[in-house]
C-alpha atoms as a PDB file:
ATOM      1  CA  MET A   1      16.122  26.370  20.161  1.00  0.00           C
ATOM      2  CA  LEU A   2      16.207  27.966  16.696  1.00  0.00           C
ATOM      3  CA  ALA A   3      19.417  29.620  17.615  1.00  0.00           C
ATOM      4  CA  HIS A   4      21.133  26.339  17.621  1.00  0.00           C
ATOM      5  CA  PHE A   5      19.076  24.937  14.649  1.00  0.00           C
ATOM      6  CA  ASP A   6      21.383  24.214  11.647  1.00  0.00           C
ATOM      7  CA  PHE A   7      19.531  25.199   8.383  1.00  0.00           C
ATOM      8  CA  ASP A   8      22.597  24.624   6.371  1.00  0.00           C
ATOM      9  CA  VAL A   9      22.501  20.969   6.983  1.00  0.00           C
ATOM     10  CA  ILE A  10      19.058  20.900   5.316  1.00  0.00           C
ATOM     11  CA  ALA A  11      20.184  23.351   2.556  1.00  0.00           C
ATOM     12  CA  ARG A  12      23.146  20.771   1.831  1.00  0.00           C
ATOM     13  CA  THR A  13      21.017  17.773   1.689  1.00  0.00           C
ATOM     14  CA  TRP A  14      17.557  18.567   0.615  1.00  0.00           C
ATOM     15  CA  GLN A  15      17.956  17.631  -3.051  1.00  0.00           C
ATOM     16  CA  VAL A  16      19.430  14.172  -2.159  1.00  0.00           C
ATOM     17  CA  LEU A  17      16.659  13.533   0.383  1.00  0.00           C
ATOM     18  CA  LEU A  18      13.775  14.511  -2.024  1.00  0.00           C
ATOM     19  CA  PHE A  19      15.045  13.361  -5.493  1.00  0.00           C
ATOM     20  CA  GLN A  20      16.441  10.189  -4.144  1.00  0.00           C
ATOM     21  CA  GLY A  21      14.851   9.213  -0.964  1.00  0.00           C
ATOM     22  CA  LEU A  22      11.507  10.668  -1.369  1.00  0.00           C
ATOM     23  CA  VAL A  23      11.225   9.450  -5.057  1.00  0.00           C
ATOM     24  CA  PHE A  24      12.186   6.048  -3.892  1.00  0.00           C
ATOM     25  CA  THR A  25       9.430   5.998  -1.224  1.00  0.00           C
ATOM     26  CA  LEU A  26       6.826   7.264  -3.851  1.00  0.00           C
ATOM     27  CA  GLN A  27       7.833   4.397  -6.178  1.00  0.00           C
ATOM     28  CA  VAL A  28       7.448   1.914  -3.618  1.00  0.00           C
ATOM     29  CA  THR A  29       4.119   3.259  -2.553  1.00  0.00           C
ATOM     30  CA  ALA A  30       2.808   3.508  -6.161  1.00  0.00           C
ATOM     31  CA  LEU A  31       3.829  -0.208  -7.067  1.00  0.00           C
ATOM     32  CA  SER A  32       2.581  -1.424  -3.719  1.00  0.00           C
ATOM     33  CA  MET A  33      -0.783   0.335  -4.349  1.00  0.00           C
ATOM     34  CA  LEU A  34      -1.147  -1.069  -7.687  1.00  0.00           C
ATOM     35  CA  GLY A  35      -0.184  -4.670  -6.747  1.00  0.00           C
ATOM     36  CA  GLY A  36      -2.441  -4.337  -3.397  1.00  0.00           C
ATOM     37  CA  ILE A  37      -5.546  -3.194  -5.339  1.00  0.00           C
ATOM     38  CA  VAL A  38      -5.243  -5.949  -7.988  1.00  0.00           C
ATOM     39  CA  PHE A  39      -4.752  -8.718  -5.387  1.00  0.00           C
ATOM     40  CA  GLY A  40      -7.069  -7.088  -2.907  1.00  0.00           C
ATOM     41  CA  THR A  41      -9.972  -7.108  -5.567  1.00  0.00           C
ATOM     42  CA  LEU A  42      -9.212 -10.689  -6.240  1.00  0.00           C
ATOM     43  CA  LEU A  43      -9.488 -11.460  -2.425  1.00  0.00           C
ATOM     44  CA  ALA A  44     -12.780  -9.422  -2.162  1.00  0.00           C
ATOM     45  CA  MET A  45     -14.160 -11.320  -5.271  1.00  0.00           C
ATOM     46  CA  MET A  46     -13.143 -14.584  -3.353  1.00  0.00           C
ATOM     47  CA  ARG A  47     -14.753 -13.694  -0.131  1.00  0.00           C
ATOM     48  CA  LEU A  48     -17.971 -12.657  -1.770  1.00  0.00           C
ATOM     49  CA  SER A  49     -18.022 -15.946  -4.048  1.00  0.00           C
ATOM     50  CA  SER A  50     -20.546 -18.584  -3.434  1.00  0.00           C
ATOM     51  CA  ASN A  51     -17.792 -21.206  -3.321  1.00  0.00           C
ATOM     52  CA  MET A  52     -17.264 -21.634   0.350  1.00  0.00           C
ATOM     53  CA  ALA A  53     -13.779 -22.981  -0.030  1.00  0.00           C
ATOM     54  CA  LEU A  54     -12.511 -19.769  -1.662  1.00  0.00           C
ATOM     55  CA  SER A  55     -14.345 -17.516   0.597  1.00  0.00           C
ATOM     56  CA  ARG A  56     -12.937 -19.186   3.724  1.00  0.00           C
ATOM     57  CA  LEU A  57      -9.530 -19.154   2.257  1.00  0.00           C
ATOM     58  CA  ALA A  58      -9.552 -15.461   1.390  1.00  0.00           C
ATOM     59  CA  ALA A  59     -11.166 -14.699   4.768  1.00  0.00           C
ATOM     60  CA  GLY A  60      -8.581 -16.681   6.673  1.00  0.00           C
ATOM     61  CA  TYR A  61      -5.802 -14.981   4.657  1.00  0.00           C
ATOM     62  CA  VAL A  62      -7.248 -11.464   5.318  1.00  0.00           C
ATOM     63  CA  ASN A  63      -7.788 -11.999   9.015  1.00  0.00           C
ATOM     64  CA  ALA A  64      -4.312 -13.705   9.520  1.00  0.00           C
ATOM     65  CA  MET A  65      -2.459 -10.829   7.804  1.00  0.00           C
ATOM     66  CA  ARG A  66      -4.244  -8.042   9.485  1.00  0.00           C
ATOM     67  CA  SER A  67      -3.442  -9.595  12.832  1.00  0.00           C
ATOM     68  CA  LEU A  68       0.213  -9.079  12.428  1.00  0.00           C
ATOM     69  CA  PRO A  69       2.454  -6.110  12.859  1.00  0.00           C
ATOM     70  CA  LEU A  70       3.710  -4.925   9.413  1.00  0.00           C
ATOM     71  CA  VAL A  71       7.299  -4.574  10.796  1.00  0.00           C
ATOM     72  CA  LEU A  72       7.238  -8.224  11.649  1.00  0.00           C
ATOM     73  CA  VAL A  73       5.919  -9.196   8.311  1.00  0.00           C
ATOM     74  CA  ILE A  74       8.728  -7.308   6.588  1.00  0.00           C
ATOM     75  CA  PHE A  75      11.242  -9.140   8.816  1.00  0.00           C
ATOM     76  CA  TRP A  76       9.725 -12.498   7.939  1.00  0.00           C
ATOM     77  CA  PHE A  77       9.675 -12.040   4.163  1.00  0.00           C
ATOM     78  CA  TYR A  78      13.159 -10.483   4.072  1.00  0.00           C
ATOM     79  CA  PHE A  79      14.757 -13.351   5.977  1.00  0.00           C
ATOM     80  CA  LEU A  80      12.471 -16.274   4.919  1.00  0.00           C
ATOM     81  CA  MET A  81      11.673 -15.591   1.252  1.00  0.00           C
ATOM     82  CA  PRO A  82      15.171 -16.748  -0.123  1.00  0.00           C
ATOM     83  CA  TYR A  83      14.538 -20.011   1.738  1.00  0.00           C
ATOM     84  CA  ILE A  84      10.770 -20.293   0.624  1.00  0.00           C
ATOM     85  CA  GLY A  85      12.016 -19.593  -2.916  1.00  0.00           C
ATOM     86  CA  ALA A  86      14.632 -22.375  -2.661  1.00  0.00           C
ATOM     87  CA  TRP A  87      11.921 -24.762  -1.344  1.00  0.00           C
ATOM     88  CA  VAL A  88       9.540 -23.867  -4.102  1.00  0.00           C
ATOM     89  CA  THR A  89      12.072 -24.212  -6.870  1.00  0.00           C
ATOM     90  CA  GLY A  90      14.083 -27.069  -5.386  1.00  0.00           C
ATOM     91  CA  ALA A  91      17.300 -25.190  -5.381  1.00  0.00           C
ATOM     92  CA  SER A  92      19.981 -26.197  -2.875  1.00  0.00           C
ATOM     93  CA  GLN A  93      20.940 -22.780  -1.944  1.00  0.00           C
ATOM     94  CA  PRO A  94      18.553 -19.734  -0.661  1.00  0.00           C
ATOM     95  CA  ILE A  95      17.588 -17.639  -3.743  1.00  0.00           C
ATOM     96  CA  ARG A  96      18.707 -14.071  -3.712  1.00  0.00           C
ATOM     97  CA  VAL A  97      15.521 -12.120  -3.646  1.00  0.00           C
ATOM     98  CA  GLY A  98      16.986  -8.714  -2.615  1.00  0.00           C
ATOM     99  CA  ALA A  99      15.592  -6.261  -0.150  1.00  0.00           C
ATOM    100  CA  PHE A 100      13.643  -4.091  -2.614  1.00  0.00           C
ATOM    101  CA  ALA A 101      11.761  -7.165  -4.128  1.00  0.00           C
ATOM    102  CA  SER A 102      11.192  -8.552  -0.538  1.00  0.00           C
ATOM    103  CA  ALA A 103       9.638  -5.233   0.703  1.00  0.00           C
ATOM    104  CA  LEU A 104       7.454  -4.837  -2.549  1.00  0.00           C
ATOM    105  CA  ILE A 105       6.176  -8.294  -2.228  1.00  0.00           C
ATOM    106  CA  THR A 106       5.492  -7.752   1.616  1.00  0.00           C
ATOM    107  CA  PHE A 107       3.641  -4.343   1.021  1.00  0.00           C
ATOM    108  CA  ILE A 108       1.562  -5.842  -1.725  1.00  0.00           C
ATOM    109  CA  LEU A 109       0.437  -8.872   0.206  1.00  0.00           C
ATOM    110  CA  PHE A 110      -0.166  -6.912   3.505  1.00  0.00           C
ATOM    111  CA  GLU A 111      -1.856  -4.030   1.982  1.00  0.00           C
ATOM    112  CA  ALA A 112      -4.084  -6.191  -0.322  1.00  0.00           C
ATOM    113  CA  CYS A 113      -5.843  -7.318   2.853  1.00  0.00           C
ATOM    114  CA  PHE A 114      -6.943  -3.626   3.691  1.00  0.00           C
ATOM    115  CA  TYR A 115      -7.815  -3.005  -0.155  1.00  0.00           C
ATOM    116  CA  CYS A 116      -9.889  -6.167  -0.040  1.00  0.00           C
ATOM    117  CA  GLU A 117     -12.078  -4.997   2.791  1.00  0.00           C
ATOM    118  CA  ILE A 118     -12.568  -1.669   1.022  1.00  0.00           C
ATOM    119  CA  MET A 119     -13.394  -3.291  -2.389  1.00  0.00           C
ATOM    120  CA  ARG A 120     -15.728  -5.791  -0.618  1.00  0.00           C
ATOM    121  CA  ALA A 121     -17.585  -2.805   0.797  1.00  0.00           C
ATOM    122  CA  GLY A 122     -17.797  -1.291  -2.673  1.00  0.00           C
ATOM    123  CA  ILE A 123     -18.891  -4.367  -4.407  1.00  0.00           C
ATOM    124  CA  GLN A 124     -21.691  -4.763  -1.845  1.00  0.00           C
ATOM    125  CA  SER A 125     -22.875  -1.223  -2.138  1.00  0.00           C
ATOM    126  CA  ILE A 126     -23.931  -1.971  -5.844  1.00  0.00           C
ATOM    127  CA  PRO A 127     -27.561  -2.835  -6.097  1.00  0.00           C
ATOM    128  CA  ARG A 128     -28.034  -6.643  -6.333  1.00  0.00           C
ATOM    129  CA  GLY A 129     -30.324  -6.112  -9.269  1.00  0.00           C
ATOM    130  CA  GLN A 130     -27.570  -5.038 -11.647  1.00  0.00           C
ATOM    131  CA  ALA A 131     -25.843  -8.154 -11.076  1.00  0.00           C
ATOM    132  CA  ASN A 132     -28.901 -10.239 -11.537  1.00  0.00           C
ATOM    133  CA  ALA A 133     -29.525  -8.383 -14.781  1.00  0.00           C
ATOM    134  CA  GLY A 134     -26.162  -9.537 -15.870  1.00  0.00           C
ATOM    135  CA  TYR A 135     -26.833 -13.154 -15.003  1.00  0.00           C
ATOM    136  CA  ALA A 136     -30.067 -12.901 -16.859  1.00  0.00           C
ATOM    137  CA  LEU A 137     -28.162 -11.805 -20.077  1.00  0.00           C
ATOM    138  CA  GLY A 138     -25.890 -14.893 -19.846  1.00  0.00           C
ATOM    139  CA  PHE A 139     -22.972 -13.340 -18.144  1.00  0.00           C
ATOM    140  CA  THR A 140     -20.684 -15.413 -15.850  1.00  0.00           C
ATOM    141  CA  TYR A 141     -19.839 -14.334 -12.359  1.00  0.00           C
ATOM    142  CA  TRP A 142     -16.439 -12.943 -13.445  1.00  0.00           C
ATOM    143  CA  GLN A 143     -17.978 -11.190 -16.273  1.00  0.00           C
ATOM    144  CA  VAL A 144     -20.543  -9.500 -14.133  1.00  0.00           C
ATOM    145  CA  MET A 145     -17.897  -8.495 -11.755  1.00  0.00           C
ATOM    146  CA  ALA A 146     -15.498  -7.147 -14.478  1.00  0.00           C
ATOM    147  CA  GLN A 147     -18.085  -5.434 -16.634  1.00  0.00           C
ATOM    148  CA  ILE A 148     -20.858  -4.315 -14.212  1.00  0.00           C
ATOM    149  CA  VAL A 149     -20.000  -4.255 -10.686  1.00  0.00           C
ATOM    150  CA  LEU A 150     -16.292  -3.486 -10.301  1.00  0.00           C
ATOM    151  CA  PRO A 151     -16.199  -0.469 -12.429  1.00  0.00           C
ATOM    152  CA  GLN A 152     -18.899   1.267 -10.147  1.00  0.00           C
ATOM    153  CA  ALA A 153     -17.247  -0.299  -7.069  1.00  0.00           C
ATOM    154  CA  PHE A 154     -13.905   1.408  -7.948  1.00  0.00           C
ATOM    155  CA  ARG A 155     -15.686   4.892  -8.533  1.00  0.00           C
ATOM    156  CA  ASN A 156     -17.545   4.684  -5.241  1.00  0.00           C
ATOM    157  CA  MET A 157     -14.520   3.473  -3.276  1.00  0.00           C
ATOM    158  CA  LEU A 158     -11.785   5.589  -5.058  1.00  0.00           C
ATOM    159  CA  PRO A 159     -11.696   8.205  -1.942  1.00  0.00           C
ATOM    160  CA  VAL A 160     -11.239   5.379   0.595  1.00  0.00           C
ATOM    161  CA  LEU A 161      -8.573   3.624  -1.685  1.00  0.00           C
ATOM    162  CA  LEU A 162      -6.579   6.759  -1.796  1.00  0.00           C
ATOM    163  CA  THR A 163      -6.883   7.308   1.910  1.00  0.00           C
ATOM    164  CA  GLN A 164      -5.520   3.867   2.492  1.00  0.00           C
ATOM    165  CA  THR A 165      -2.662   4.764   0.129  1.00  0.00           C
ATOM    166  CA  ILE A 166      -1.823   7.565   2.145  1.00  0.00           C
ATOM    167  CA  VAL A 167      -1.404   5.049   5.190  1.00  0.00           C
ATOM    168  CA  LEU A 168       0.550   3.078   2.962  1.00  0.00           C
ATOM    169  CA  PHE A 169       2.954   5.961   1.930  1.00  0.00           C
ATOM    170  CA  GLN A 170       3.540   6.471   5.758  1.00  0.00           C
ATOM    171  CA  ASP A 171       4.113   2.681   6.287  1.00  0.00           C
ATOM    172  CA  VAL A 172       6.745   2.495   3.531  1.00  0.00           C
ATOM    173  CA  SER A 173       9.156   4.386   6.142  1.00  0.00           C
ATOM    174  CA  LEU A 174       9.514   0.888   7.854  1.00  0.00           C
ATOM    175  CA  VAL A 175      11.731  -0.368   5.148  1.00  0.00           C
ATOM    176  CA  TYR A 176      14.457   1.481   7.106  1.00  0.00           C
ATOM    177  CA  ILE A 177      14.823  -1.820   9.121  1.00  0.00           C
ATOM    178  CA  ILE A 178      16.295  -3.480   6.056  1.00  0.00           C
ATOM    179  CA  SER A 179      18.367  -0.516   5.046  1.00  0.00           C
ATOM    180  CA  LEU A 180      16.351   0.350   1.836  1.00  0.00           C
ATOM    181  CA  PRO A 181      17.390   3.969   0.622  1.00  0.00           C
ATOM    182  CA  ASP A 182      13.924   5.538   1.317  1.00  0.00           C
ATOM    183  CA  PHE A 183      13.314   9.043   2.604  1.00  0.00           C
ATOM    184  CA  VAL A 184      13.602   8.261   6.288  1.00  0.00           C
ATOM    185  CA  THR A 185      16.804   5.997   5.938  1.00  0.00           C
ATOM    186  CA  LEU A 186      18.680   8.617   4.074  1.00  0.00           C
ATOM    187  CA  ALA A 187      17.604  11.233   6.440  1.00  0.00           C
ATOM    188  CA  SER A 188      18.766   9.132   9.395  1.00  0.00           C
ATOM    189  CA  LYS A 189      22.178   8.251   7.837  1.00  0.00           C
ATOM    190  CA  ILE A 190      22.623  11.946   7.157  1.00  0.00           C
ATOM    191  CA  ALA A 191      21.663  12.829  10.618  1.00  0.00           C
ATOM    192  CA  GLN A 192      23.971  10.393  12.241  1.00  0.00           C
ATOM    193  CA  ARG A 193      26.885  11.289   9.885  1.00  0.00           C
ATOM    194  CA  ASP A 194      26.550  15.113  10.723  1.00  0.00           C
ATOM    195  CA  GLY A 195      25.232  14.706  14.219  1.00  0.00           C
ATOM    196  CA  ARG A 196      22.265  16.943  13.440  1.00  0.00           C
ATOM    197  CA  LEU A 197      19.188  14.537  14.346  1.00  0.00           C
ATOM    198  CA  VAL A 198      16.798  17.322  15.338  1.00  0.00           C
ATOM    199  CA  GLU A 199      17.210  19.194  11.924  1.00  0.00           C
ATOM    200  CA  MET A 200      16.814  15.922   9.958  1.00  0.00           C
ATOM    201  CA  TYR A 201      13.996  14.586  11.640  1.00  0.00           C
ATOM    202  CA  VAL A 202      12.077  17.883  11.815  1.00  0.00           C
ATOM    203  CA  PHE A 203      12.667  18.277   7.906  1.00  0.00           C
ATOM    204  CA  VAL A 204      11.245  14.697   7.503  1.00  0.00           C
ATOM    205  CA  ALA A 205       8.192  15.552   9.684  1.00  0.00           C
ATOM    206  CA  LEU A 206       7.405  18.568   7.655  1.00  0.00           C
ATOM    207  CA  VAL A 207       7.788  16.717   4.385  1.00  0.00           C
ATOM    208  CA  TYR A 208       5.556  13.867   5.385  1.00  0.00           C
ATOM    209  CA  PHE A 209       3.063  16.471   6.866  1.00  0.00           C
ATOM    210  CA  VAL A 210       2.906  18.471   3.525  1.00  0.00           C
ATOM    211  CA  VAL A 211       2.646  15.496   1.338  1.00  0.00           C
ATOM    212  CA  CYS A 212      -0.114  13.666   3.406  1.00  0.00           C
ATOM    213  CA  LEU A 213      -2.103  16.889   3.939  1.00  0.00           C
ATOM    214  CA  THR A 214      -1.955  17.580   0.128  1.00  0.00           C
ATOM    215  CA  LEU A 215      -3.126  14.047  -0.704  1.00  0.00           C
ATOM    216  CA  SER A 216      -5.842  14.419   2.069  1.00  0.00           C
ATOM    217  CA  GLN A 217      -6.977  17.611   0.262  1.00  0.00           C
ATOM    218  CA  VAL A 218      -7.160  15.758  -3.007  1.00  0.00           C
ATOM    219  CA  VAL A 219      -9.322  12.995  -1.453  1.00  0.00           C
ATOM    220  CA  LYS A 220     -11.755  15.543  -0.042  1.00  0.00           C
ATOM    221  CA  ARG A 221     -12.250  17.333  -3.317  1.00  0.00           C
ATOM    222  CA  LEU A 222     -12.659  13.847  -5.019  1.00  0.00           C
ATOM    223  CA  GLN A 223     -15.154  12.909  -2.257  1.00  0.00           C
ATOM    224  CA  THR A 224     -17.123  16.150  -2.948  1.00  0.00           C
ATOM    225  CA  ARG A 225     -17.189  15.685  -6.677  1.00  0.00           C
ATOM    226  CA  LEU A 226     -18.380  12.045  -6.489  1.00  0.00           C
ATOM    227  CA  ALA A 227     -21.059  13.240  -3.886  1.00  0.00           C
ATOM    228  CA  VAL A 228     -22.392  15.853  -6.448  1.00  0.00           C
ATOM    229  CA  ALA A 229     -22.266  13.307  -9.332  1.00  0.00           C
ATOM    230  CA  THR A 230     -24.503  10.740  -7.574  1.00  0.00           C
ATOM    231  CA  HIS A 231     -27.101  13.240  -6.723  1.00  0.00           C
END
């Protein structure tokens, strides 16, 4: 098999794949992670709120989104977002959202459901007495969350949040269905152009393996440090 393996096609294209495709994938991952954590934290606070309307609304959203395949959600937002935007703004024509904005919104809204459940577990891991102490000092619910509970919850849940981000990094490859120039899409185009599918997809698999393994090791070290710090 290696006798027919064309290493030259990788040597000619690895810079484009890494510095354009992989960088694009990492950018989408980082932006989706930040947006997803912010929105997910708000959802978690809504789910834990004593206001039943807010709690049920957040729970319904999380359960609905988690029951849908991500690839289907990407399609929905990509094709329906222009019409939804036109309906909201009252425009007579579909609004041009663009593939990148559509994909980014999709990942933020979808991944927020998973970050929500992680943050909800983190919030519930904080002793109730600390929140009660904040209320005794006159803090509101949002002040208690922002100044007492959330900083500790983020610290406790950081390894799990990073693990979910690794999953997000892998999921970003699905943007190939709307032709965004991510790592997998560029590799696929080169593979079809040069007729070297095996070489390109082996290279893609190796890069994903190295990146995910490296991030997993970072998570393990972080877990060890946090475990030592809490004892």
